[in-house]
Amino acid sequence: MAFELGDSQDQGMSEINLIPLIDIMLVLMIIFLVTATVLNPSVPLDLPKTTAQINQLPPKVIQVSIDANETIFWDDQKISIDELQARFAKAASGDEDPQVQLRADKNGKYDTVAQVLASASTAGLSKIAFVND
C-alpha cells in the first residue's frame, strides 16, 4: 500500500494567487490619488480687471408667519388678513415679482394658511415658498 504525500509531478498549477496583484494595484491607486490631489496643474495668469456691474438685484423676499393662535405677521409686525391683502397688492404692483416665504406653526389651523395663500394668489404673487425646519 503506497501513500502519496504532496503533489504529483504530473499535475500543473491550476490556480493563480491574485492577492499580490491586488496589493500592487491598491498601492498604485493610493499613489495616483495622492499625486493627483497634490499636483494641481494651473497656468499662472494675470487676469484683467473690469468695471462690470451686476445687472439683476436679488429678488425681494416677503416673510409671512402664522403662529399657533392664528396671528399673522409680516416680517416681525403683527397684521390682520385685510392689511395682509393690501400689502400683497402693493408688493405685486411693483416691477419685480417678490418671493413670499410662508412660515406656519405646525399646531396652527390650515384655514389661516389657506386664506394667506388665497390673498397672495389674488394679488398676483406666484413665487410662494413654505419654510420648515
N, C-alpha and C. Protein backbone atom coordinates (compact mmCIF):
# COMPACT_ATOMS: atom_id res chain seq x y z
N MET A 1 0.83 -1.15 0.00
CA MET A 1 0.00 0.00 0.00
C MET A 1 0.89 1.24 0.00
N ALA A 2 0.71 2.07 -0.97
CA ALA A 2 1.56 3.23 -1.11
C ALA A 2 0.77 4.49 -0.80
N PHE A 3 1.35 5.34 -0.01
CA PHE A 3 0.74 6.64 0.30
C PHE A 3 1.52 7.71 -0.44
N GLU A 4 0.78 8.68 -0.90
CA GLU A 4 1.44 9.75 -1.63
C GLU A 4 1.31 11.03 -0.83
N LEU A 5 2.38 11.65 -0.49
CA LEU A 5 2.39 12.91 0.23
C LEU A 5 2.80 14.00 -0.73
N GLY A 6 1.98 15.08 -0.79
CA GLY A 6 2.32 16.19 -1.66
C GLY A 6 1.72 16.01 -3.04
N ASP A 7 2.06 16.91 -3.91
CA ASP A 7 1.53 16.89 -5.27
C ASP A 7 2.37 15.99 -6.15
N SER A 8 1.71 15.42 -7.08
CA SER A 8 2.47 14.62 -8.05
C SER A 8 3.07 15.55 -9.10
N GLN A 9 4.06 15.13 -9.75
CA GLN A 9 4.73 15.94 -10.75
C GLN A 9 3.90 16.07 -12.02
N ASP A 10 2.89 15.22 -12.22
CA ASP A 10 2.08 15.26 -13.44
C ASP A 10 1.12 16.45 -13.45
N GLN A 11 0.72 16.85 -12.29
CA GLN A 11 -0.33 17.85 -12.19
C GLN A 11 0.30 19.25 -12.21
N GLY A 12 -0.23 20.16 -13.08
CA GLY A 12 0.28 21.52 -13.16
C GLY A 12 -0.43 22.42 -12.16
N MET A 13 0.00 23.67 -12.09
CA MET A 13 -0.61 24.63 -11.18
C MET A 13 -1.92 25.09 -11.81
N SER A 14 -3.04 24.89 -11.12
CA SER A 14 -4.34 25.21 -11.71
C SER A 14 -4.93 26.51 -11.17
N GLU A 15 -4.32 27.12 -10.18
CA GLU A 15 -4.83 28.36 -9.62
C GLU A 15 -3.73 29.41 -9.60
N ILE A 16 -4.16 30.68 -9.78
CA ILE A 16 -3.22 31.79 -9.71
C ILE A 16 -3.53 32.58 -8.44
N ASN A 17 -2.52 32.90 -7.70
CA ASN A 17 -2.70 33.67 -6.48
C ASN A 17 -2.81 35.15 -6.86
N LEU A 18 -4.00 35.77 -6.64
CA LEU A 18 -4.26 37.16 -7.03
C LEU A 18 -3.98 38.17 -5.92
N ILE A 19 -3.70 37.73 -4.74
CA ILE A 19 -3.50 38.65 -3.62
C ILE A 19 -2.32 39.60 -3.85
N PRO A 20 -1.17 39.16 -4.31
CA PRO A 20 -0.08 40.13 -4.56
C PRO A 20 -0.45 41.14 -5.65
N LEU A 21 -1.19 40.72 -6.66
CA LEU A 21 -1.61 41.64 -7.72
C LEU A 21 -2.56 42.70 -7.17
N ILE A 22 -3.48 42.30 -6.32
CA ILE A 22 -4.41 43.25 -5.71
C ILE A 22 -3.66 44.23 -4.82
N ASP A 23 -2.67 43.76 -4.07
CA ASP A 23 -1.87 44.64 -3.21
C ASP A 23 -1.14 45.69 -4.04
N ILE A 24 -0.56 45.28 -5.15
CA ILE A 24 0.17 46.21 -6.01
C ILE A 24 -0.79 47.24 -6.61
N MET A 25 -1.98 46.82 -7.02
CA MET A 25 -2.96 47.74 -7.62
C MET A 25 -3.44 48.75 -6.58
N LEU A 26 -3.65 48.33 -5.33
CA LEU A 26 -4.07 49.26 -4.29
C LEU A 26 -2.99 50.29 -4.00
N VAL A 27 -1.74 49.86 -3.95
CA VAL A 27 -0.64 50.80 -3.72
C VAL A 27 -0.55 51.80 -4.86
N LEU A 28 -0.68 51.33 -6.10
CA LEU A 28 -0.63 52.24 -7.24
C LEU A 28 -1.80 53.23 -7.22
N MET A 29 -2.98 52.76 -6.83
CA MET A 29 -4.13 53.64 -6.77
C MET A 29 -3.94 54.72 -5.70
N ILE A 30 -3.39 54.35 -4.55
CA ILE A 30 -3.13 55.33 -3.50
C ILE A 30 -2.11 56.35 -3.96
N ILE A 31 -1.06 55.90 -4.61
CA ILE A 31 -0.04 56.83 -5.12
C ILE A 31 -0.65 57.78 -6.14
N PHE A 32 -1.49 57.26 -7.02
CA PHE A 32 -2.14 58.10 -8.03
C PHE A 32 -3.05 59.14 -7.39
N LEU A 33 -3.84 58.75 -6.40
CA LEU A 33 -4.75 59.69 -5.75
C LEU A 33 -4.00 60.78 -5.00
N VAL A 34 -2.91 60.41 -4.34
CA VAL A 34 -2.14 61.40 -3.60
C VAL A 34 -1.48 62.39 -4.55
N THR A 35 -0.88 61.90 -5.60
CA THR A 35 -0.20 62.81 -6.54
C THR A 35 -1.20 63.64 -7.33
N ALA A 36 -2.39 63.11 -7.62
CA ALA A 36 -3.38 63.87 -8.37
C ALA A 36 -3.91 65.04 -7.55
N THR A 37 -4.05 64.87 -6.24
CA THR A 37 -4.54 65.96 -5.41
C THR A 37 -3.45 66.97 -5.07
N VAL A 38 -2.21 66.53 -5.01
CA VAL A 38 -1.12 67.45 -4.68
C VAL A 38 -0.73 68.28 -5.90
N LEU A 39 -0.66 67.66 -7.02
CA LEU A 39 -0.28 68.36 -8.23
C LEU A 39 -1.52 68.95 -8.89
N ASN A 40 -1.70 70.23 -8.74
CA ASN A 40 -2.83 70.91 -9.36
C ASN A 40 -2.28 71.71 -10.53
N PRO A 41 -2.39 71.19 -11.72
CA PRO A 41 -1.81 71.91 -12.85
C PRO A 41 -2.61 73.18 -13.13
N SER A 42 -1.97 74.30 -12.96
CA SER A 42 -2.62 75.57 -13.26
C SER A 42 -1.62 76.48 -13.94
N VAL A 43 -2.17 77.30 -14.79
CA VAL A 43 -1.34 78.26 -15.52
C VAL A 43 -1.44 79.58 -14.78
N PRO A 44 -0.33 80.16 -14.37
CA PRO A 44 -0.40 81.45 -13.68
C PRO A 44 -0.80 82.55 -14.67
N LEU A 45 -1.92 83.20 -14.39
CA LEU A 45 -2.42 84.26 -15.26
C LEU A 45 -2.63 85.53 -14.46
N ASP A 46 -2.47 86.64 -15.13
CA ASP A 46 -2.80 87.94 -14.56
C ASP A 46 -4.03 88.42 -15.30
N LEU A 47 -5.21 88.17 -14.71
CA LEU A 47 -6.46 88.48 -15.39
C LEU A 47 -6.76 89.97 -15.33
N PRO A 48 -7.40 90.50 -16.36
CA PRO A 48 -7.70 91.93 -16.39
C PRO A 48 -8.85 92.27 -15.43
N LYS A 49 -8.83 93.48 -14.93
CA LYS A 49 -9.88 93.98 -14.05
C LYS A 49 -10.93 94.70 -14.90
N THR A 50 -12.20 94.49 -14.54
CA THR A 50 -13.28 95.15 -15.28
C THR A 50 -14.13 95.96 -14.32
N THR A 51 -14.95 96.81 -14.87
CA THR A 51 -15.85 97.63 -14.07
C THR A 51 -17.30 97.22 -14.32
N ALA A 52 -17.53 95.98 -14.64
CA ALA A 52 -18.89 95.50 -14.92
C ALA A 52 -19.71 95.48 -13.64
N GLN A 53 -20.96 95.83 -13.77
CA GLN A 53 -21.89 95.84 -12.66
C GLN A 53 -22.85 94.66 -12.76
N ILE A 54 -23.37 94.26 -11.64
CA ILE A 54 -24.37 93.20 -11.63
C ILE A 54 -25.68 93.77 -12.16
N ASN A 55 -26.26 93.11 -13.14
CA ASN A 55 -27.46 93.64 -13.78
C ASN A 55 -28.72 93.39 -12.96
N GLN A 56 -28.83 92.23 -12.36
CA GLN A 56 -30.04 91.91 -11.62
C GLN A 56 -29.78 91.96 -10.13
N LEU A 57 -30.71 92.57 -9.42
CA LEU A 57 -30.67 92.54 -7.97
C LEU A 57 -31.38 91.28 -7.50
N PRO A 58 -31.01 90.78 -6.34
CA PRO A 58 -31.72 89.60 -5.85
C PRO A 58 -33.19 89.93 -5.62
N PRO A 59 -34.07 88.94 -5.80
CA PRO A 59 -35.49 89.21 -5.65
C PRO A 59 -35.85 89.58 -4.22
N LYS A 60 -36.86 90.41 -4.09
CA LYS A 60 -37.32 90.82 -2.77
C LYS A 60 -38.01 89.64 -2.11
N VAL A 61 -37.76 89.47 -0.82
CA VAL A 61 -38.35 88.36 -0.07
C VAL A 61 -39.29 88.92 0.98
N ILE A 62 -40.51 88.42 0.98
CA ILE A 62 -41.51 88.79 1.98
C ILE A 62 -41.70 87.59 2.89
N GLN A 63 -41.52 87.79 4.19
CA GLN A 63 -41.71 86.70 5.14
C GLN A 63 -43.04 86.89 5.86
N VAL A 64 -43.93 85.92 5.70
CA VAL A 64 -45.22 85.92 6.38
C VAL A 64 -45.21 84.74 7.33
N SER A 65 -45.52 85.02 8.60
CA SER A 65 -45.53 83.96 9.62
C SER A 65 -46.92 83.86 10.23
N ILE A 66 -47.30 82.62 10.55
CA ILE A 66 -48.59 82.36 11.21
C ILE A 66 -48.29 81.52 12.44
N ASP A 67 -48.66 82.04 13.62
CA ASP A 67 -48.39 81.27 14.83
C ASP A 67 -49.56 80.35 15.16
N ALA A 68 -49.46 79.65 16.27
CA ALA A 68 -50.48 78.66 16.65
C ALA A 68 -51.81 79.32 16.99
N ASN A 69 -51.80 80.61 17.34
CA ASN A 69 -53.04 81.33 17.69
C ASN A 69 -53.66 82.01 16.49
N GLU A 70 -53.24 81.65 15.28
CA GLU A 70 -53.73 82.20 14.01
C GLU A 70 -53.40 83.69 13.85
N THR A 71 -52.35 84.15 14.49
CA THR A 71 -51.90 85.53 14.33
C THR A 71 -50.96 85.58 13.14
N ILE A 72 -51.17 86.58 12.27
CA ILE A 72 -50.38 86.72 11.04
C ILE A 72 -49.35 87.82 11.26
N PHE A 73 -48.11 87.54 10.85
CA PHE A 73 -47.02 88.51 10.98
C PHE A 73 -46.42 88.77 9.60
N TRP A 74 -46.19 90.03 9.28
CA TRP A 74 -45.46 90.46 8.08
C TRP A 74 -44.06 90.81 8.58
N ASP A 75 -43.09 90.01 8.24
CA ASP A 75 -41.75 90.07 8.83
C ASP A 75 -41.91 89.92 10.35
N ASP A 76 -41.83 91.01 11.13
CA ASP A 76 -42.00 90.90 12.58
C ASP A 76 -43.22 91.66 13.08
N GLN A 77 -43.99 92.26 12.17
CA GLN A 77 -45.14 93.08 12.55
C GLN A 77 -46.42 92.27 12.51
N LYS A 78 -47.22 92.39 13.55
CA LYS A 78 -48.50 91.70 13.61
C LYS A 78 -49.51 92.47 12.76
N ILE A 79 -50.18 91.77 11.83
CA ILE A 79 -51.15 92.42 10.96
C ILE A 79 -52.40 91.54 10.83
N SER A 80 -53.48 92.15 10.30
CA SER A 80 -54.72 91.41 10.06
C SER A 80 -54.71 90.88 8.63
N ILE A 81 -55.70 90.03 8.31
CA ILE A 81 -55.78 89.46 6.96
C ILE A 81 -56.10 90.53 5.92
N ASP A 82 -56.90 91.56 6.30
CA ASP A 82 -57.21 92.65 5.37
C ASP A 82 -55.97 93.48 5.07
N GLU A 83 -55.18 93.77 6.10
CA GLU A 83 -53.94 94.52 5.91
C GLU A 83 -52.94 93.70 5.09
N LEU A 84 -52.95 92.37 5.28
CA LEU A 84 -52.09 91.49 4.50
C LEU A 84 -52.44 91.55 3.02
N GLN A 85 -53.73 91.55 2.72
CA GLN A 85 -54.17 91.64 1.32
C GLN A 85 -53.72 92.95 0.69
N ALA A 86 -53.82 94.04 1.45
CA ALA A 86 -53.39 95.35 0.93
C ALA A 86 -51.88 95.37 0.68
N ARG A 87 -51.11 94.77 1.59
CA ARG A 87 -49.65 94.75 1.41
C ARG A 87 -49.25 93.84 0.24
N PHE A 88 -49.95 92.71 0.08
CA PHE A 88 -49.68 91.85 -1.06
C PHE A 88 -49.95 92.59 -2.37
N ALA A 89 -51.06 93.32 -2.43
CA ALA A 89 -51.40 94.07 -3.64
C ALA A 89 -50.35 95.14 -3.94
N LYS A 90 -49.87 95.82 -2.89
CA LYS A 90 -48.84 96.84 -3.08
C LYS A 90 -47.53 96.22 -3.55
N ALA A 91 -47.16 95.06 -2.98
CA ALA A 91 -45.92 94.39 -3.37
C ALA A 91 -46.00 93.85 -4.79
N ALA A 92 -47.18 93.40 -5.21
CA ALA A 92 -47.33 92.86 -6.56
C ALA A 92 -47.40 93.95 -7.61
N SER A 93 -47.70 95.18 -7.22
CA SER A 93 -47.80 96.27 -8.20
C SER A 93 -46.43 96.79 -8.65
N GLY A 94 -45.38 96.37 -8.00
CA GLY A 94 -44.03 96.82 -8.37
C GLY A 94 -43.55 96.15 -9.64
N ASP A 95 -42.33 96.48 -10.04
CA ASP A 95 -41.74 95.96 -11.27
C ASP A 95 -41.36 94.49 -11.16
N GLU A 96 -40.91 94.07 -10.00
CA GLU A 96 -40.45 92.70 -9.83
C GLU A 96 -41.48 91.89 -9.04
N ASP A 97 -41.44 90.58 -9.24
CA ASP A 97 -42.34 89.66 -8.55
C ASP A 97 -41.63 89.16 -7.30
N PRO A 98 -42.00 89.66 -6.11
CA PRO A 98 -41.28 89.23 -4.90
C PRO A 98 -41.63 87.79 -4.53
N GLN A 99 -40.74 87.19 -3.77
CA GLN A 99 -40.96 85.83 -3.28
C GLN A 99 -41.57 85.90 -1.89
N VAL A 100 -42.63 85.14 -1.66
CA VAL A 100 -43.28 85.08 -0.36
C VAL A 100 -42.82 83.81 0.33
N GLN A 101 -42.24 83.97 1.51
CA GLN A 101 -41.83 82.82 2.32
C GLN A 101 -42.83 82.69 3.46
N LEU A 102 -43.59 81.60 3.43
CA LEU A 102 -44.66 81.37 4.40
C LEU A 102 -44.17 80.42 5.48
N ARG A 103 -44.22 80.89 6.71
CA ARG A 103 -43.82 80.07 7.86
C ARG A 103 -45.05 79.90 8.73
N ALA A 104 -45.54 78.68 8.86
CA ALA A 104 -46.74 78.40 9.64
C ALA A 104 -46.42 77.44 10.76
N ASP A 105 -46.97 77.72 11.94
CA ASP A 105 -46.79 76.83 13.09
C ASP A 105 -47.49 75.51 12.82
N LYS A 106 -46.87 74.41 13.25
CA LYS A 106 -47.44 73.10 12.97
C LYS A 106 -48.74 72.86 13.73
N ASN A 107 -48.98 73.61 14.79
CA ASN A 107 -50.22 73.48 15.55
C ASN A 107 -51.28 74.48 15.12
N GLY A 108 -50.98 75.29 14.13
CA GLY A 108 -51.94 76.27 13.64
C GLY A 108 -52.99 75.62 12.76
N LYS A 109 -54.02 76.40 12.42
CA LYS A 109 -55.11 75.89 11.59
C LYS A 109 -54.78 76.08 10.11
N TYR A 110 -55.22 75.12 9.33
CA TYR A 110 -54.99 75.18 7.89
C TYR A 110 -55.80 76.31 7.26
N ASP A 111 -56.92 76.68 7.88
CA ASP A 111 -57.77 77.72 7.32
C ASP A 111 -57.02 79.04 7.19
N THR A 112 -56.21 79.39 8.17
CA THR A 112 -55.44 80.64 8.11
C THR A 112 -54.39 80.57 7.01
N VAL A 113 -53.75 79.42 6.87
CA VAL A 113 -52.76 79.25 5.80
C VAL A 113 -53.44 79.37 4.44
N ALA A 114 -54.62 78.78 4.29
CA ALA A 114 -55.35 78.86 3.03
C ALA A 114 -55.75 80.29 2.71
N GLN A 115 -56.14 81.06 3.72
CA GLN A 115 -56.51 82.46 3.50
C GLN A 115 -55.30 83.28 3.04
N VAL A 116 -54.14 83.03 3.64
CA VAL A 116 -52.92 83.74 3.24
C VAL A 116 -52.55 83.37 1.80
N LEU A 117 -52.62 82.09 1.46
CA LEU A 117 -52.32 81.66 0.09
C LEU A 117 -53.30 82.26 -0.92
N ALA A 118 -54.57 82.32 -0.55
CA ALA A 118 -55.57 82.91 -1.44
C ALA A 118 -55.31 84.41 -1.62
N SER A 119 -54.90 85.09 -0.55
CA SER A 119 -54.60 86.52 -0.65
C SER A 119 -53.41 86.76 -1.58
N ALA A 120 -52.39 85.93 -1.46
CA ALA A 120 -51.21 86.08 -2.32
C ALA A 120 -51.58 85.79 -3.77
N SER A 121 -52.39 84.78 -3.99
CA SER A 121 -52.80 84.43 -5.35
C SER A 121 -53.67 85.52 -5.96
N THR A 122 -54.58 86.08 -5.17
CA THR A 122 -55.45 87.16 -5.66
C THR A 122 -54.62 88.38 -6.03
N ALA A 123 -53.58 88.66 -5.28
CA ALA A 123 -52.72 89.83 -5.57
C ALA A 123 -51.83 89.59 -6.78
N GLY A 124 -51.70 88.33 -7.22
CA GLY A 124 -50.88 88.04 -8.38
C GLY A 124 -49.47 87.59 -8.06
N LEU A 125 -49.23 87.22 -6.80
CA LEU A 125 -47.91 86.74 -6.41
C LEU A 125 -47.84 85.24 -6.67
N SER A 126 -46.85 84.82 -7.42
CA SER A 126 -46.77 83.41 -7.80
C SER A 126 -45.59 82.66 -7.17
N LYS A 127 -44.64 83.37 -6.63
CA LYS A 127 -43.47 82.72 -6.01
C LYS A 127 -43.71 82.60 -4.50
N ILE A 128 -44.23 81.44 -4.10
CA ILE A 128 -44.54 81.20 -2.70
C ILE A 128 -43.77 79.98 -2.23
N ALA A 129 -43.09 80.11 -1.11
CA ALA A 129 -42.29 79.00 -0.57
C ALA A 129 -42.71 78.75 0.87
N PHE A 130 -42.80 77.48 1.24
CA PHE A 130 -43.08 77.10 2.61
C PHE A 130 -41.75 76.86 3.32
N VAL A 131 -41.57 77.48 4.48
CA VAL A 131 -40.33 77.36 5.23
C VAL A 131 -40.57 76.38 6.38
N ASN A 132 -39.64 75.44 6.55
CA ASN A 132 -39.73 74.49 7.67
C ASN A 132 -38.34 74.25 8.23
N ASP A 133 -38.29 73.52 9.32
CA ASP A 133 -37.01 73.19 9.94
C ASP A 133 -36.54 71.84 9.48
